[in-house]
Amino acid sequence: MSRSRQHAERRGRRGETLAAWFLRLHGWAILARRLRNPRGEIDLVARRGRMVAFVEVKWRGDGGLDAAIDGRRLRRVAAAAEAAAHRYCRPGDAMRIDVLLLAPRRWPRHIANAWMPVEGMS
C-alpha cells in the first residue's frame, strides 16, 4: 500500500471514530463499523430506538465536503445496507441511509435519510 493510501486509510478510520462518538453523543448505539459484504461497504451501522441508520462517513481535510458524496456512492451504500439489513433490523424497525460529513475545525454535518431512491431505479 502506498504511503498516501496509508495516510488516507488512517484519516478515514479517525473520521469514522469521530463520527461514532458524535452519534453516541446524540443517543445512537453503534452496532457495527466497516461492515463489508459483496454489495459494498458501510462505515457505521447505528441504532436509536426503532431506527437503524447505515451511515456513510466522509472526512475532508480541505473542507471540500459538498463534493464528498454523490448518487453513485449512495447507491452502493444503499445496496450494501439492503444486503445487511436482516442482521440489524428487527420486525417493526425503520431503516435509512445517513451521511456524516467531517472536516477539521468544523462541526459535523449529519444528513439524515440522505438516500431517497427514485421510483423505478435502485
N, C-alpha and C. Protein backbone atom coordinates (compact mmCIF):
# COMPACT_ATOMS: atom_id res chain seq x y z
N MET A 1 0.85 -1.18 0.00
CA MET A 1 0.00 0.00 0.00
C MET A 1 0.90 1.24 0.00
N SER A 2 0.57 2.19 -0.83
CA SER A 2 1.39 3.40 -0.93
C SER A 2 1.26 4.24 0.34
N ARG A 3 2.23 5.10 0.54
CA ARG A 3 2.24 5.96 1.72
C ARG A 3 1.00 6.87 1.75
N SER A 4 0.63 7.43 0.60
CA SER A 4 -0.54 8.32 0.58
C SER A 4 -1.82 7.53 0.86
N ARG A 5 -1.88 6.30 0.39
CA ARG A 5 -3.06 5.46 0.65
C ARG A 5 -3.14 5.11 2.14
N GLN A 6 -1.98 4.82 2.75
CA GLN A 6 -1.96 4.53 4.19
C GLN A 6 -2.43 5.74 4.99
N HIS A 7 -1.98 6.92 4.57
CA HIS A 7 -2.40 8.15 5.24
C HIS A 7 -3.92 8.34 5.11
N ALA A 8 -4.43 8.13 3.92
CA ALA A 8 -5.88 8.27 3.69
C ALA A 8 -6.65 7.25 4.53
N GLU A 9 -6.12 6.04 4.63
CA GLU A 9 -6.76 5.00 5.44
C GLU A 9 -6.82 5.40 6.91
N ARG A 10 -5.71 5.91 7.44
CA ARG A 10 -5.69 6.37 8.84
C ARG A 10 -6.67 7.52 9.06
N ARG A 11 -6.69 8.46 8.12
CA ARG A 11 -7.63 9.60 8.21
C ARG A 11 -9.06 9.09 8.21
N GLY A 12 -9.35 8.12 7.34
CA GLY A 12 -10.70 7.57 7.26
C GLY A 12 -11.12 6.89 8.55
N ARG A 13 -10.22 6.12 9.12
CA ARG A 13 -10.52 5.45 10.39
C ARG A 13 -10.74 6.48 11.51
N ARG A 14 -9.92 7.52 11.52
CA ARG A 14 -10.08 8.59 12.52
C ARG A 14 -11.44 9.27 12.34
N GLY A 15 -11.80 9.54 11.10
CA GLY A 15 -13.10 10.15 10.84
C GLY A 15 -14.25 9.26 11.29
N GLU A 16 -14.14 7.96 11.07
CA GLU A 16 -15.18 7.03 11.50
C GLU A 16 -15.28 6.98 13.02
N THR A 17 -14.13 7.06 13.69
CA THR A 17 -14.14 7.09 15.16
C THR A 17 -14.82 8.35 15.67
N LEU A 18 -14.48 9.50 15.08
CA LEU A 18 -15.14 10.75 15.47
C LEU A 18 -16.64 10.71 15.18
N ALA A 19 -17.01 10.15 14.04
CA ALA A 19 -18.42 10.03 13.68
C ALA A 19 -19.16 9.15 14.69
N ALA A 20 -18.54 8.05 15.09
CA ALA A 20 -19.17 7.16 16.06
C ALA A 20 -19.40 7.89 17.38
N TRP A 21 -18.41 8.66 17.84
CA TRP A 21 -18.58 9.44 19.07
C TRP A 21 -19.69 10.48 18.93
N PHE A 22 -19.72 11.15 17.79
CA PHE A 22 -20.77 12.15 17.55
C PHE A 22 -22.15 11.49 17.63
N LEU A 23 -22.30 10.35 16.99
CA LEU A 23 -23.59 9.66 17.01
C LEU A 23 -23.95 9.19 18.42
N ARG A 24 -22.97 8.66 19.15
CA ARG A 24 -23.22 8.24 20.54
C ARG A 24 -23.71 9.41 21.38
N LEU A 25 -23.07 10.57 21.21
CA LEU A 25 -23.48 11.76 21.97
C LEU A 25 -24.90 12.19 21.64
N HIS A 26 -25.40 11.76 20.49
CA HIS A 26 -26.76 12.08 20.08
C HIS A 26 -27.72 10.90 20.27
N GLY A 27 -27.33 9.96 21.12
CA GLY A 27 -28.24 8.89 21.52
C GLY A 27 -28.23 7.63 20.67
N TRP A 28 -27.30 7.51 19.75
CA TRP A 28 -27.23 6.33 18.90
C TRP A 28 -26.29 5.30 19.51
N ALA A 29 -26.63 4.04 19.35
CA ALA A 29 -25.74 2.93 19.70
C ALA A 29 -25.08 2.46 18.42
N ILE A 30 -23.79 2.26 18.45
CA ILE A 30 -23.06 1.79 17.26
C ILE A 30 -23.12 0.26 17.25
N LEU A 31 -23.69 -0.30 16.20
CA LEU A 31 -23.84 -1.75 16.08
C LEU A 31 -22.70 -2.40 15.30
N ALA A 32 -22.13 -1.67 14.34
CA ALA A 32 -21.06 -2.23 13.52
C ALA A 32 -20.26 -1.09 12.90
N ARG A 33 -19.00 -1.41 12.62
CA ARG A 33 -18.10 -0.48 11.92
C ARG A 33 -17.48 -1.21 10.75
N ARG A 34 -17.31 -0.48 9.65
CA ARG A 34 -16.65 -1.03 8.45
C ARG A 34 -17.23 -2.38 8.05
N LEU A 35 -18.52 -2.40 7.89
CA LEU A 35 -19.23 -3.62 7.52
C LEU A 35 -19.08 -3.83 6.01
N ARG A 36 -18.55 -4.96 5.63
CA ARG A 36 -18.37 -5.26 4.21
C ARG A 36 -19.19 -6.47 3.84
N ASN A 37 -19.77 -6.41 2.65
CA ASN A 37 -20.46 -7.56 2.08
C ASN A 37 -20.25 -7.50 0.57
N PRO A 38 -20.70 -8.49 -0.16
CA PRO A 38 -20.44 -8.49 -1.61
C PRO A 38 -21.00 -7.27 -2.36
N ARG A 39 -21.93 -6.56 -1.78
CA ARG A 39 -22.54 -5.41 -2.47
C ARG A 39 -21.89 -4.08 -2.13
N GLY A 40 -21.00 -4.06 -1.12
CA GLY A 40 -20.34 -2.80 -0.79
C GLY A 40 -19.90 -2.75 0.66
N GLU A 41 -19.59 -1.53 1.11
CA GLU A 41 -19.13 -1.31 2.48
C GLU A 41 -19.97 -0.22 3.13
N ILE A 42 -20.22 -0.42 4.41
CA ILE A 42 -20.95 0.56 5.21
C ILE A 42 -20.01 0.97 6.33
N ASP A 43 -19.81 2.27 6.49
CA ASP A 43 -18.87 2.76 7.50
C ASP A 43 -19.36 2.48 8.92
N LEU A 44 -20.61 2.83 9.21
CA LEU A 44 -21.18 2.62 10.54
C LEU A 44 -22.62 2.14 10.42
N VAL A 45 -23.00 1.26 11.34
CA VAL A 45 -24.41 0.89 11.50
C VAL A 45 -24.78 1.32 12.90
N ALA A 46 -25.83 2.12 13.02
CA ALA A 46 -26.21 2.68 14.31
C ALA A 46 -27.71 2.49 14.56
N ARG A 47 -28.08 2.41 15.84
CA ARG A 47 -29.48 2.26 16.21
C ARG A 47 -29.83 3.30 17.28
N ARG A 48 -31.02 3.87 17.11
CA ARG A 48 -31.62 4.72 18.14
C ARG A 48 -33.10 4.38 18.15
N GLY A 49 -33.52 3.74 19.21
CA GLY A 49 -34.91 3.29 19.29
C GLY A 49 -35.20 2.26 18.21
N ARG A 50 -36.22 2.52 17.41
CA ARG A 50 -36.63 1.60 16.34
C ARG A 50 -36.03 1.98 14.99
N MET A 51 -35.10 2.92 14.98
CA MET A 51 -34.46 3.36 13.74
C MET A 51 -33.06 2.77 13.64
N VAL A 52 -32.76 2.18 12.49
CA VAL A 52 -31.41 1.69 12.20
C VAL A 52 -30.88 2.54 11.05
N ALA A 53 -29.73 3.15 11.27
CA ALA A 53 -29.11 4.00 10.25
C ALA A 53 -27.83 3.34 9.75
N PHE A 54 -27.71 3.27 8.44
CA PHE A 54 -26.49 2.82 7.78
C PHE A 54 -25.79 4.11 7.34
N VAL A 55 -24.63 4.38 7.94
CA VAL A 55 -24.02 5.71 7.86
C VAL A 55 -22.76 5.69 7.00
N GLU A 56 -22.73 6.57 6.01
CA GLU A 56 -21.54 6.82 5.20
C GLU A 56 -20.82 8.01 5.83
N VAL A 57 -19.55 7.85 6.17
CA VAL A 57 -18.76 8.90 6.80
C VAL A 57 -17.77 9.46 5.79
N LYS A 58 -17.72 10.76 5.67
CA LYS A 58 -16.75 11.42 4.78
C LYS A 58 -15.95 12.43 5.58
N TRP A 59 -14.64 12.29 5.51
CA TRP A 59 -13.71 13.20 6.16
C TRP A 59 -12.95 13.93 5.07
N ARG A 60 -12.92 15.23 5.13
CA ARG A 60 -12.15 16.02 4.16
C ARG A 60 -11.31 17.02 4.93
N GLY A 61 -10.02 16.90 4.78
CA GLY A 61 -9.10 17.83 5.43
C GLY A 61 -9.14 19.21 4.81
N ASP A 62 -9.49 19.28 3.54
CA ASP A 62 -9.51 20.57 2.84
C ASP A 62 -10.87 21.24 2.91
N GLY A 63 -11.82 20.60 3.56
CA GLY A 63 -13.15 21.19 3.69
C GLY A 63 -14.03 21.01 2.47
N GLY A 64 -13.61 20.27 1.46
CA GLY A 64 -14.42 20.06 0.26
C GLY A 64 -15.54 19.06 0.48
N LEU A 65 -16.38 19.32 1.46
CA LEU A 65 -17.41 18.36 1.84
C LEU A 65 -18.59 18.30 0.87
N ASP A 66 -18.87 19.38 0.19
CA ASP A 66 -20.02 19.40 -0.69
C ASP A 66 -19.90 18.38 -1.83
N ALA A 67 -18.68 18.11 -2.25
CA ALA A 67 -18.47 17.16 -3.34
C ALA A 67 -18.09 15.77 -2.82
N ALA A 68 -18.15 15.56 -1.52
CA ALA A 68 -17.68 14.31 -0.93
C ALA A 68 -18.62 13.14 -1.16
N ILE A 69 -19.87 13.41 -1.40
CA ILE A 69 -20.85 12.33 -1.54
C ILE A 69 -21.67 12.56 -2.81
N ASP A 70 -21.93 11.48 -3.52
CA ASP A 70 -22.70 11.60 -4.75
C ASP A 70 -23.68 10.44 -4.85
N GLY A 71 -24.52 10.46 -5.86
CA GLY A 71 -25.54 9.44 -6.05
C GLY A 71 -24.98 8.05 -6.23
N ARG A 72 -23.88 7.94 -6.96
CA ARG A 72 -23.27 6.63 -7.19
C ARG A 72 -22.83 6.01 -5.86
N ARG A 73 -22.16 6.78 -5.04
CA ARG A 73 -21.69 6.28 -3.74
C ARG A 73 -22.87 5.92 -2.84
N LEU A 74 -23.90 6.76 -2.84
CA LEU A 74 -25.07 6.46 -2.02
C LEU A 74 -25.79 5.21 -2.50
N ARG A 75 -25.82 4.97 -3.80
CA ARG A 75 -26.44 3.74 -4.33
C ARG A 75 -25.69 2.51 -3.82
N ARG A 76 -24.36 2.60 -3.79
CA ARG A 76 -23.55 1.47 -3.29
C ARG A 76 -23.80 1.23 -1.81
N VAL A 77 -23.89 2.30 -1.03
CA VAL A 77 -24.18 2.15 0.39
C VAL A 77 -25.57 1.56 0.58
N ALA A 78 -26.54 2.04 -0.21
CA ALA A 78 -27.91 1.52 -0.11
C ALA A 78 -27.96 0.04 -0.46
N ALA A 79 -27.23 -0.38 -1.48
CA ALA A 79 -27.19 -1.79 -1.86
C ALA A 79 -26.57 -2.64 -0.75
N ALA A 80 -25.48 -2.15 -0.16
CA ALA A 80 -24.85 -2.88 0.94
C ALA A 80 -25.77 -2.93 2.15
N ALA A 81 -26.49 -1.83 2.43
CA ALA A 81 -27.42 -1.80 3.56
C ALA A 81 -28.57 -2.78 3.34
N GLU A 82 -29.07 -2.84 2.12
CA GLU A 82 -30.15 -3.78 1.81
C GLU A 82 -29.70 -5.22 2.07
N ALA A 83 -28.46 -5.53 1.71
CA ALA A 83 -27.93 -6.88 1.91
C ALA A 83 -27.69 -7.18 3.39
N ALA A 84 -27.43 -6.17 4.20
CA ALA A 84 -27.11 -6.38 5.61
C ALA A 84 -28.29 -6.15 6.55
N ALA A 85 -29.38 -5.60 6.05
CA ALA A 85 -30.49 -5.19 6.92
C ALA A 85 -31.01 -6.34 7.78
N HIS A 86 -31.05 -7.54 7.25
CA HIS A 86 -31.59 -8.67 8.01
C HIS A 86 -30.80 -8.94 9.29
N ARG A 87 -29.54 -8.52 9.32
CA ARG A 87 -28.70 -8.73 10.51
C ARG A 87 -28.95 -7.69 11.60
N TYR A 88 -29.44 -6.51 11.23
CA TYR A 88 -29.53 -5.41 12.19
C TYR A 88 -30.94 -4.90 12.43
N CYS A 89 -31.85 -5.15 11.52
CA CYS A 89 -33.22 -4.66 11.67
C CYS A 89 -34.12 -5.76 12.20
N ARG A 90 -34.92 -5.39 13.18
CA ARG A 90 -35.92 -6.31 13.74
C ARG A 90 -37.27 -5.95 13.17
N PRO A 91 -38.24 -6.86 13.28
CA PRO A 91 -39.58 -6.53 12.79
C PRO A 91 -40.09 -5.23 13.41
N GLY A 92 -40.60 -4.36 12.58
CA GLY A 92 -41.12 -3.08 13.04
C GLY A 92 -40.11 -1.95 13.03
N ASP A 93 -38.84 -2.25 12.79
CA ASP A 93 -37.81 -1.22 12.72
C ASP A 93 -37.90 -0.47 11.39
N ALA A 94 -37.46 0.77 11.43
CA ALA A 94 -37.29 1.55 10.21
C ALA A 94 -35.80 1.63 9.93
N MET A 95 -35.44 1.79 8.67
CA MET A 95 -34.03 1.94 8.34
C MET A 95 -33.86 3.09 7.38
N ARG A 96 -32.66 3.66 7.40
CA ARG A 96 -32.37 4.77 6.50
C ARG A 96 -30.87 4.81 6.24
N ILE A 97 -30.50 5.59 5.22
CA ILE A 97 -29.11 5.84 4.88
C ILE A 97 -28.79 7.27 5.30
N ASP A 98 -27.80 7.42 6.17
CA ASP A 98 -27.37 8.74 6.63
C ASP A 98 -25.96 9.02 6.12
N VAL A 99 -25.60 10.29 6.11
CA VAL A 99 -24.24 10.71 5.77
C VAL A 99 -23.77 11.62 6.89
N LEU A 100 -22.53 11.42 7.30
CA LEU A 100 -21.92 12.29 8.30
C LEU A 100 -20.66 12.88 7.68
N LEU A 101 -20.65 14.21 7.52
CA LEU A 101 -19.54 14.93 6.89
C LEU A 101 -18.69 15.59 7.98
N LEU A 102 -17.39 15.33 7.92
CA LEU A 102 -16.46 15.84 8.93
C LEU A 102 -15.30 16.58 8.27
N ALA A 103 -14.88 17.66 8.91
CA ALA A 103 -13.71 18.42 8.46
C ALA A 103 -13.08 19.09 9.67
N PRO A 104 -11.78 19.33 9.63
CA PRO A 104 -11.13 19.99 10.76
C PRO A 104 -11.76 21.36 11.06
N ARG A 105 -11.85 21.64 12.34
CA ARG A 105 -12.36 22.94 12.82
C ARG A 105 -13.77 23.25 12.35
N ARG A 106 -14.54 22.22 12.08
CA ARG A 106 -15.96 22.40 11.70
C ARG A 106 -16.81 21.43 12.50
N TRP A 107 -18.02 21.87 12.80
CA TRP A 107 -18.96 21.00 13.48
C TRP A 107 -19.42 19.92 12.49
N PRO A 108 -19.54 18.65 12.91
CA PRO A 108 -20.00 17.61 11.99
C PRO A 108 -21.38 17.93 11.40
N ARG A 109 -21.55 17.57 10.16
CA ARG A 109 -22.84 17.78 9.47
C ARG A 109 -23.48 16.42 9.25
N HIS A 110 -24.59 16.18 9.94
CA HIS A 110 -25.30 14.90 9.86
C HIS A 110 -26.49 15.07 8.92
N ILE A 111 -26.45 14.33 7.82
CA ILE A 111 -27.55 14.37 6.86
C ILE A 111 -28.35 13.09 7.05
N ALA A 112 -29.50 13.21 7.70
CA ALA A 112 -30.36 12.07 7.96
C ALA A 112 -31.16 11.73 6.71
N ASN A 113 -31.32 10.45 6.45
CA ASN A 113 -32.11 9.98 5.32
C ASN A 113 -31.64 10.58 4.00
N ALA A 114 -30.35 10.47 3.77
CA ALA A 114 -29.73 11.09 2.59
C ALA A 114 -30.07 10.39 1.29
N TRP A 115 -30.48 9.14 1.36
CA TRP A 115 -30.76 8.37 0.14
C TRP A 115 -32.25 8.21 -0.02
N MET A 116 -32.77 8.76 -1.08
CA MET A 116 -34.17 8.61 -1.44
C MET A 116 -34.21 8.02 -2.85
N PRO A 117 -34.41 6.70 -2.94
CA PRO A 117 -34.40 6.10 -4.28
C PRO A 117 -35.51 6.66 -5.15
N VAL A 118 -35.18 6.83 -6.42
CA VAL A 118 -36.15 7.30 -7.40
C VAL A 118 -36.98 6.12 -7.82
N GLU A 119 -38.27 6.30 -7.94
CA GLU A 119 -39.18 5.21 -8.34
C GLU A 119 -38.69 4.56 -9.63
N GLY A 120 -38.59 3.25 -9.60
CA GLY A 120 -38.16 2.52 -10.78
C GLY A 120 -36.65 2.36 -10.90
N MET A 121 -35.90 3.02 -10.01
CA MET A 121 -34.44 2.91 -10.04
C MET A 121 -33.98 2.40 -8.67
N SER A 122 -32.92 1.61 -8.67
CA SER A 122 -32.36 1.19 -7.39
C SER A 122 -30.87 1.08 -7.49
